[in-house]
Amino acid sequence: AEYPVVTAEKGGGTVAVTIPKAGAVVPAPG
């Protein structure tokens, strides 16, 4: 890690989502 001394660390995590093909908009021509 780093100096001088590390005595605390944040908690890691992930927020993951999928923008699905199902239900996606079909754009108008042009």
Full PDB file with SEQRES, HELIX, SHEET, SSBOND, CRYST1, ORIGX, SCALE, CONECT and MASTER records, all heavy atoms in Angstrom:
SEQRES   1 A   30  ALA GLU TYR PRO VAL VAL THR ALA GLU LYS GLY GLY GLY          
SEQRES   2 A   30  THR VAL ALA VAL THR ILE PRO LYS ALA GLY ALA VAL VAL          
SEQRES   3 A   30  PRO ALA PRO GLY                                              
CRYST1    1.000    1.000    1.000  90.00  90.00  90.00 P 1           1          
ORIGX1      1.000000  0.000000  0.000000        0.00000                         
ORIGX2      0.000000  1.000000  0.000000        0.00000                         
ORIGX3      0.000000  0.000000  1.000000        0.00000                         
SCALE1      1.000000  0.000000  0.000000        0.00000                         
SCALE2      0.000000  1.000000  0.000000        0.00000                         
SCALE3      0.000000  0.000000  1.000000        0.00000                         
ATOM      1  N   ALA A   1       0.857  -1.193   0.000  1.00  0.00           N  
ATOM      2  CA  ALA A   1       0.000   0.000   0.000  1.00  0.00           C  
ATOM      3  C   ALA A   1       0.892   1.242   0.000  1.00  0.00           C  
ATOM      4  O   ALA A   1       1.632   1.479  -0.957  1.00  0.00           O  
ATOM      5  CB  ALA A   1      -0.958  -0.021   1.196  1.00  0.00           C  
ATOM      6  N   GLU A   2       0.834   2.021   1.068  1.00  0.00           N  
ATOM      7  CA  GLU A   2       1.583   3.266   1.081  1.00  0.00           C  
ATOM      8  C   GLU A   2       2.008   3.637   2.487  1.00  0.00           C  
ATOM      9  O   GLU A   2       1.600   3.033   3.474  1.00  0.00           O  
ATOM     10  CB  GLU A   2       0.768   4.390   0.447  1.00  0.00           C  
ATOM     11  CG  GLU A   2      -0.543   4.692   1.135  1.00  0.00           C  
ATOM     12  CD  GLU A   2      -1.405   5.639   0.316  1.00  0.00           C  
ATOM     13  OE1 GLU A   2      -1.860   5.251  -0.782  1.00  0.00           O  
ATOM     14  OE2 GLU A   2      -1.628   6.762   0.781  1.00  0.00           O  
ATOM     15  N   TYR A   3       2.853   4.631   2.553  1.00  0.00           N  
ATOM     16  CA  TYR A   3       3.335   5.185   3.819  1.00  0.00           C  
ATOM     17  C   TYR A   3       2.427   6.334   4.259  1.00  0.00           C  
ATOM     18  O   TYR A   3       1.652   6.848   3.464  1.00  0.00           O  
ATOM     19  CB  TYR A   3       4.755   5.727   3.647  1.00  0.00           C  
ATOM     20  CG  TYR A   3       5.801   4.700   3.311  1.00  0.00           C  
ATOM     21  CD1 TYR A   3       6.387   4.660   2.043  1.00  0.00           C  
ATOM     22  CD2 TYR A   3       6.216   3.771   4.258  1.00  0.00           C  
ATOM     23  CE1 TYR A   3       7.361   3.728   1.729  1.00  0.00           C  
ATOM     24  CE2 TYR A   3       7.198   2.829   3.955  1.00  0.00           C  
ATOM     25  CZ  TYR A   3       7.757   2.816   2.693  1.00  0.00           C  
ATOM     26  OH  TYR A   3       8.719   1.888   2.387  1.00  0.00           O  
ATOM     27  N   PRO A   4       2.477   6.767   5.527  1.00  0.00           N  
ATOM     28  CA  PRO A   4       3.385   6.273   6.572  1.00  0.00           C  
ATOM     29  C   PRO A   4       2.988   4.886   7.106  1.00  0.00           C  
ATOM     30  O   PRO A   4       3.807   3.978   7.108  1.00  0.00           O  
ATOM     31  CB  PRO A   4       3.299   7.328   7.675  1.00  0.00           C  
ATOM     32  CG  PRO A   4       2.743   8.550   7.019  1.00  0.00           C  
ATOM     33  CD  PRO A   4       1.840   8.048   5.935  1.00  0.00           C  
ATOM     34  N   VAL A   5       1.760   4.692   7.564  1.00  0.00           N  
ATOM     35  CA  VAL A   5       1.253   3.403   8.023  1.00  0.00           C  
ATOM     36  C   VAL A   5      -0.239   3.369   7.707  1.00  0.00           C  
ATOM     37  O   VAL A   5      -0.958   4.328   8.008  1.00  0.00           O  
ATOM     38  CB  VAL A   5       1.457   3.194   9.540  1.00  0.00           C  
ATOM     39  CG1 VAL A   5       0.867   1.852   9.976  1.00  0.00           C  
ATOM     40  CG2 VAL A   5       2.933   3.267   9.916  1.00  0.00           C  
ATOM     41  N   VAL A   6      -0.711   2.287   7.125  1.00  0.00           N  
ATOM     42  CA  VAL A   6      -2.132   2.147   6.801  1.00  0.00           C  
ATOM     43  C   VAL A   6      -2.801   1.293   7.865  1.00  0.00           C  
ATOM     44  O   VAL A   6      -2.463   0.121   8.034  1.00  0.00           O  
ATOM     45  CB  VAL A   6      -2.328   1.508   5.415  1.00  0.00           C  
ATOM     46  CG1 VAL A   6      -3.807   1.271   5.141  1.00  0.00           C  
ATOM     47  CG2 VAL A   6      -1.717   2.383   4.334  1.00  0.00           C  
ATOM     48  N   THR A   7      -3.756   1.892   8.574  1.00  0.00           N  
ATOM     49  CA  THR A   7      -4.481   1.164   9.619  1.00  0.00           C  
ATOM     50  C   THR A   7      -5.958   0.993   9.291  1.00  0.00           C  
ATOM     51  O   THR A   7      -6.706   0.469  10.113  1.00  0.00           O  
ATOM     52  CB  THR A   7      -4.344   1.888  10.971  1.00  0.00           C  
ATOM     53  OG1 THR A   7      -4.870   3.226  10.850  1.00  0.00           O  
ATOM     54  CG2 THR A   7      -2.892   1.956  11.430  1.00  0.00           C  
ATOM     55  N   ALA A   8      -6.386   1.428   8.117  1.00  0.00           N  
ATOM     56  CA  ALA A   8      -7.790   1.269   7.723  1.00  0.00           C  
ATOM     57  C   ALA A   8      -7.878   1.172   6.209  1.00  0.00           C  
ATOM     58  O   ALA A   8      -7.135   1.841   5.486  1.00  0.00           O  
ATOM     59  CB  ALA A   8      -8.641   2.427   8.228  1.00  0.00           C  
ATOM     60  N   GLU A   9      -8.780   0.315   5.731  1.00  0.00           N  
ATOM     61  CA  GLU A   9      -9.002   0.120   4.312  1.00  0.00           C  
ATOM     62  C   GLU A   9     -10.499   0.110   4.022  1.00  0.00           C  
ATOM     63  O   GLU A   9     -11.276  -0.498   4.769  1.00  0.00           O  
ATOM     64  CB  GLU A   9      -8.415  -1.226   3.860  1.00  0.00           C  
ATOM     65  CG  GLU A   9      -6.923  -1.355   4.093  1.00  0.00           C  
ATOM     66  CD  GLU A   9      -6.417  -2.765   3.818  1.00  0.00           C  
ATOM     67  OE1 GLU A   9      -7.247  -3.663   3.531  1.00  0.00           O  
ATOM     68  OE2 GLU A   9      -5.188  -2.968   3.903  1.00  0.00           O  
ATOM     69  N   LYS A  10     -10.880   0.780   2.965  1.00  0.00           N  
ATOM     70  CA  LYS A  10     -12.282   0.745   2.562  1.00  0.00           C  
ATOM     71  C   LYS A  10     -12.676  -0.673   2.126  1.00  0.00           C  
ATOM     72  O   LYS A  10     -11.822  -1.484   1.757  1.00  0.00           O  
ATOM     73  CB  LYS A  10     -12.535   1.725   1.420  1.00  0.00           C  
ATOM     74  CG  LYS A  10     -12.383   3.187   1.826  1.00  0.00           C  
ATOM     75  CD  LYS A  10     -12.554   4.115   0.634  1.00  0.00           C  
ATOM     76  CE  LYS A  10     -12.365   5.571   1.036  1.00  0.00           C  
ATOM     77  NZ  LYS A  10     -12.446   6.494  -0.117  1.00  0.00           N  
ATOM     78  N   GLY A  11     -13.964  -0.934   2.167  1.00  0.00           N  
ATOM     79  CA  GLY A  11     -14.480  -2.205   1.685  1.00  0.00           C  
ATOM     80  C   GLY A  11     -14.748  -2.134   0.192  1.00  0.00           C  
ATOM     81  O   GLY A  11     -15.422  -1.217  -0.277  1.00  0.00           O  
ATOM     82  N   GLY A  12     -14.219  -3.090  -0.542  1.00  0.00           N  
ATOM     83  CA  GLY A  12     -14.428  -3.110  -1.983  1.00  0.00           C  
ATOM     84  C   GLY A  12     -15.776  -3.711  -2.350  1.00  0.00           C  
ATOM     85  O   GLY A  12     -16.453  -4.323  -1.520  1.00  0.00           O  
ATOM     86  N   GLY A  13     -16.156  -3.523  -3.578  1.00  0.00           N  
ATOM     87  CA  GLY A  13     -17.416  -4.098  -4.031  1.00  0.00           C  
ATOM     88  C   GLY A  13     -17.679  -3.784  -5.485  1.00  0.00           C  
ATOM     89  O   GLY A  13     -16.911  -3.068  -6.139  1.00  0.00           O  
ATOM     90  N   THR A  14     -18.771  -4.334  -5.998  1.00  0.00           N  
ATOM     91  CA  THR A  14     -19.135  -4.156  -7.404  1.00  0.00           C  
ATOM     92  C   THR A  14     -20.639  -4.000  -7.531  1.00  0.00           C  
ATOM     93  O   THR A  14     -21.402  -4.695  -6.850  1.00  0.00           O  
ATOM     94  CB  THR A  14     -18.681  -5.361  -8.245  1.00  0.00           C  
ATOM     95  OG1 THR A  14     -17.265  -5.533  -8.119  1.00  0.00           O  
ATOM     96  CG2 THR A  14     -19.030  -5.163  -9.716  1.00  0.00           C  
ATOM     97  N   VAL A  15     -21.049  -3.095  -8.387  1.00  0.00           N  
ATOM     98  CA  VAL A  15     -22.433  -3.007  -8.834  1.00  0.00           C  
ATOM     99  C   VAL A  15     -22.406  -3.283 -10.333  1.00  0.00           C  
ATOM    100  O   VAL A  15     -21.868  -2.495 -11.108  1.00  0.00           O  
ATOM    101  CB  VAL A  15     -23.051  -1.628  -8.545  1.00  0.00           C  
ATOM    102  CG1 VAL A  15     -24.458  -1.542  -9.130  1.00  0.00           C  
ATOM    103  CG2 VAL A  15     -23.063  -1.345  -7.050  1.00  0.00           C  
ATOM    104  N   ALA A  16     -22.943  -4.432 -10.730  1.00  0.00           N  
ATOM    105  CA  ALA A  16     -22.916  -4.820 -12.140  1.00  0.00           C  
ATOM    106  C   ALA A  16     -24.348  -5.033 -12.636  1.00  0.00           C  
ATOM    107  O   ALA A  16     -25.147  -5.695 -11.971  1.00  0.00           O  
ATOM    108  CB  ALA A  16     -22.104  -6.096 -12.332  1.00  0.00           C  
ATOM    109  N   VAL A  17     -24.653  -4.459 -13.779  1.00  0.00           N  
ATOM    110  CA  VAL A  17     -25.970  -4.634 -14.401  1.00  0.00           C  
ATOM    111  C   VAL A  17     -25.767  -4.888 -15.880  1.00  0.00           C  
ATOM    112  O   VAL A  17     -24.754  -4.471 -16.466  1.00  0.00           O  
ATOM    113  CB  VAL A  17     -26.880  -3.400 -14.199  1.00  0.00           C  
ATOM    114  CG1 VAL A  17     -27.048  -3.068 -12.724  1.00  0.00           C  
ATOM    115  CG2 VAL A  17     -26.333  -2.193 -14.962  1.00  0.00           C  
ATOM    116  N   THR A  18     -26.729  -5.554 -16.477  1.00  0.00           N  
ATOM    117  CA  THR A  18     -26.705  -5.775 -17.921  1.00  0.00           C  
ATOM    118  C   THR A  18     -27.849  -5.016 -18.574  1.00  0.00           C  
ATOM    119  O   THR A  18     -29.007  -5.132 -18.152  1.00  0.00           O  
ATOM    120  CB  THR A  18     -26.844  -7.269 -18.258  1.00  0.00           C  
ATOM    121  OG1 THR A  18     -25.732  -7.970 -17.699  1.00  0.00           O  
ATOM    122  CG2 THR A  18     -26.878  -7.490 -19.763  1.00  0.00           C  
ATOM    123  N   ILE A  19     -27.504  -4.207 -19.574  1.00  0.00           N  
ATOM    124  CA  ILE A  19     -28.523  -3.607 -20.440  1.00  0.00           C  
ATOM    125  C   ILE A  19     -28.865  -4.686 -21.468  1.00  0.00           C  
ATOM    126  O   ILE A  19     -28.041  -5.018 -22.330  1.00  0.00           O  
ATOM    127  CB  ILE A  19     -28.002  -2.343 -21.144  1.00  0.00           C  
ATOM    128  CG1 ILE A  19     -27.353  -1.378 -20.140  1.00  0.00           C  
ATOM    129  CG2 ILE A  19     -29.119  -1.670 -21.917  1.00  0.00           C  
ATOM    130  CD1 ILE A  19     -28.272  -0.792 -19.124  1.00  0.00           C  
ATOM    131  N   PRO A  20     -30.049  -5.277 -21.380  1.00  0.00           N  
ATOM    132  CA  PRO A  20     -30.321  -6.485 -22.177  1.00  0.00           C  
ATOM    133  C   PRO A  20     -30.757  -6.187 -23.606  1.00  0.00           C  
ATOM    134  O   PRO A  20     -31.345  -5.141 -23.894  1.00  0.00           O  
ATOM    135  CB  PRO A  20     -31.442  -7.146 -21.392  1.00  0.00           C  
ATOM    136  CG  PRO A  20     -32.177  -6.007 -20.757  1.00  0.00           C  
ATOM    137  CD  PRO A  20     -31.151  -4.949 -20.449  1.00  0.00           C  
ATOM    138  N   LYS A  21     -30.485  -7.168 -24.470  1.00  0.00           N  
ATOM    139  CA  LYS A  21     -30.992  -7.080 -25.835  1.00  0.00           C  
ATOM    140  C   LYS A  21     -32.507  -7.214 -25.856  1.00  0.00           C  
ATOM    141  O   LYS A  21     -33.181  -6.547 -26.651  1.00  0.00           O  
ATOM    142  CB  LYS A  21     -30.348  -8.166 -26.699  1.00  0.00           C  
ATOM    143  CG  LYS A  21     -28.865  -7.971 -26.965  1.00  0.00           C  
ATOM    144  CD  LYS A  21     -28.302  -9.090 -27.820  1.00  0.00           C  
ATOM    145  CE  LYS A  21     -26.822  -8.883 -28.097  1.00  0.00           C  
ATOM    146  NZ  LYS A  21     -26.250 -10.008 -28.891  1.00  0.00           N  
ATOM    147  N   ALA A  22     -33.005  -8.082 -24.995  1.00  0.00           N  
ATOM    148  CA  ALA A  22     -34.455  -8.273 -24.915  1.00  0.00           C  
ATOM    149  C   ALA A  22     -35.103  -6.976 -24.447  1.00  0.00           C  
ATOM    150  O   ALA A  22     -34.759  -6.431 -23.396  1.00  0.00           O  
ATOM    151  CB  ALA A  22     -34.787  -9.408 -23.949  1.00  0.00           C  
ATOM    152  N   GLY A  23     -36.012  -6.459 -25.228  1.00  0.00           N  
ATOM    153  CA  GLY A  23     -36.694  -5.227 -24.861  1.00  0.00           C  
ATOM    154  C   GLY A  23     -36.005  -3.967 -25.317  1.00  0.00           C  
ATOM    155  O   GLY A  23     -36.509  -2.861 -25.081  1.00  0.00           O  
ATOM    156  N   ALA A  24     -34.835  -4.095 -25.955  1.00  0.00           N  
ATOM    157  CA  ALA A  24     -34.140  -2.898 -26.429  1.00  0.00           C  
ATOM    158  C   ALA A  24     -34.938  -2.225 -27.548  1.00  0.00           C  
ATOM    159  O   ALA A  24     -35.650  -2.876 -28.320  1.00  0.00           O  
ATOM    160  CB  ALA A  24     -32.750  -3.261 -26.929  1.00  0.00           C  
ATOM    161  N   VAL A  25     -34.806  -0.930 -27.639  1.00  0.00           N  
ATOM    162  CA  VAL A  25     -35.521  -0.141 -28.638  1.00  0.00           C  
ATOM    163  C   VAL A  25     -34.951  -0.411 -30.031  1.00  0.00           C  
ATOM    164  O   VAL A  25     -33.729  -0.535 -30.212  1.00  0.00           O  
ATOM    165  CB  VAL A  25     -35.403   1.360 -28.292  1.00  0.00           C  
ATOM    166  CG1 VAL A  25     -35.876   2.222 -29.465  1.00  0.00           C  
ATOM    167  CG2 VAL A  25     -36.202   1.677 -27.042  1.00  0.00           C  
ATOM    168  N   VAL A  26     -35.823  -0.509 -31.008  1.00  0.00           N  
ATOM    169  CA  VAL A  26     -35.416  -0.571 -32.410  1.00  0.00           C  
ATOM    170  C   VAL A  26     -35.564   0.837 -32.986  1.00  0.00           C  
ATOM    171  O   VAL A  26     -36.684   1.362 -33.064  1.00  0.00           O  
ATOM    172  CB  VAL A  26     -36.267  -1.564 -33.210  1.00  0.00           C  
ATOM    173  CG1 VAL A  26     -35.855  -1.536 -34.676  1.00  0.00           C  
ATOM    174  CG2 VAL A  26     -36.130  -2.964 -32.632  1.00  0.00           C  
ATOM    175  N   PRO A  27     -34.482   1.499 -33.345  1.00  0.00           N  
ATOM    176  CA  PRO A  27     -34.575   2.893 -33.808  1.00  0.00           C  
ATOM    177  C   PRO A  27     -35.392   3.026 -35.086  1.00  0.00           C  
ATOM    178  O   PRO A  27     -35.458   2.101 -35.905  1.00  0.00           O  
ATOM    179  CB  PRO A  27     -33.109   3.281 -34.048  1.00  0.00           C  
ATOM    180  CG  PRO A  27     -32.302   2.257 -33.318  1.00  0.00           C  
ATOM    181  CD  PRO A  27     -33.101   1.001 -33.328  1.00  0.00           C  
ATOM    182  N   ALA A  28     -35.989   4.162 -35.244  1.00  0.00           N  
ATOM    183  CA  ALA A  28     -36.721   4.462 -36.485  1.00  0.00           C  
ATOM    184  C   ALA A  28     -35.734   4.553 -37.647  1.00  0.00           C  
ATOM    185  O   ALA A  28     -34.570   4.918 -37.461  1.00  0.00           O  
ATOM    186  CB  ALA A  28     -37.480   5.775 -36.325  1.00  0.00           C  
ATOM    187  N   PRO A  29     -36.167   4.214 -38.838  1.00  0.00           N  
ATOM    188  CA  PRO A  29     -35.272   4.298 -40.004  1.00  0.00           C  
ATOM    189  C   PRO A  29     -34.660   5.693 -40.142  1.00  0.00           C  
ATOM    190  O   PRO A  29     -35.363   6.700 -40.067  1.00  0.00           O  
ATOM    191  CB  PRO A  29     -36.198   3.977 -41.177  1.00  0.00           C  
ATOM    192  CG  PRO A  29     -37.289   3.141 -40.572  1.00  0.00           C  
ATOM    193  CD  PRO A  29     -37.504   3.715 -39.199  1.00  0.00           C  
ATOM    194  N   GLY A  30     -33.336   5.731 -40.283  1.00  0.00           N  
ATOM    195  CA  GLY A  30     -32.633   6.992 -40.457  1.00  0.00           C  
ATOM    196  C   GLY A  30     -32.319   7.723 -39.171  1.00  0.00           C  
ATOM    197  O   GLY A  30     -31.617   8.749 -39.195  1.00  0.00           O  
TER     198      GLY A  30                                                      
MASTER        0    0    0    0    0    0    0    6  197    1    0    3          
END                                                                             
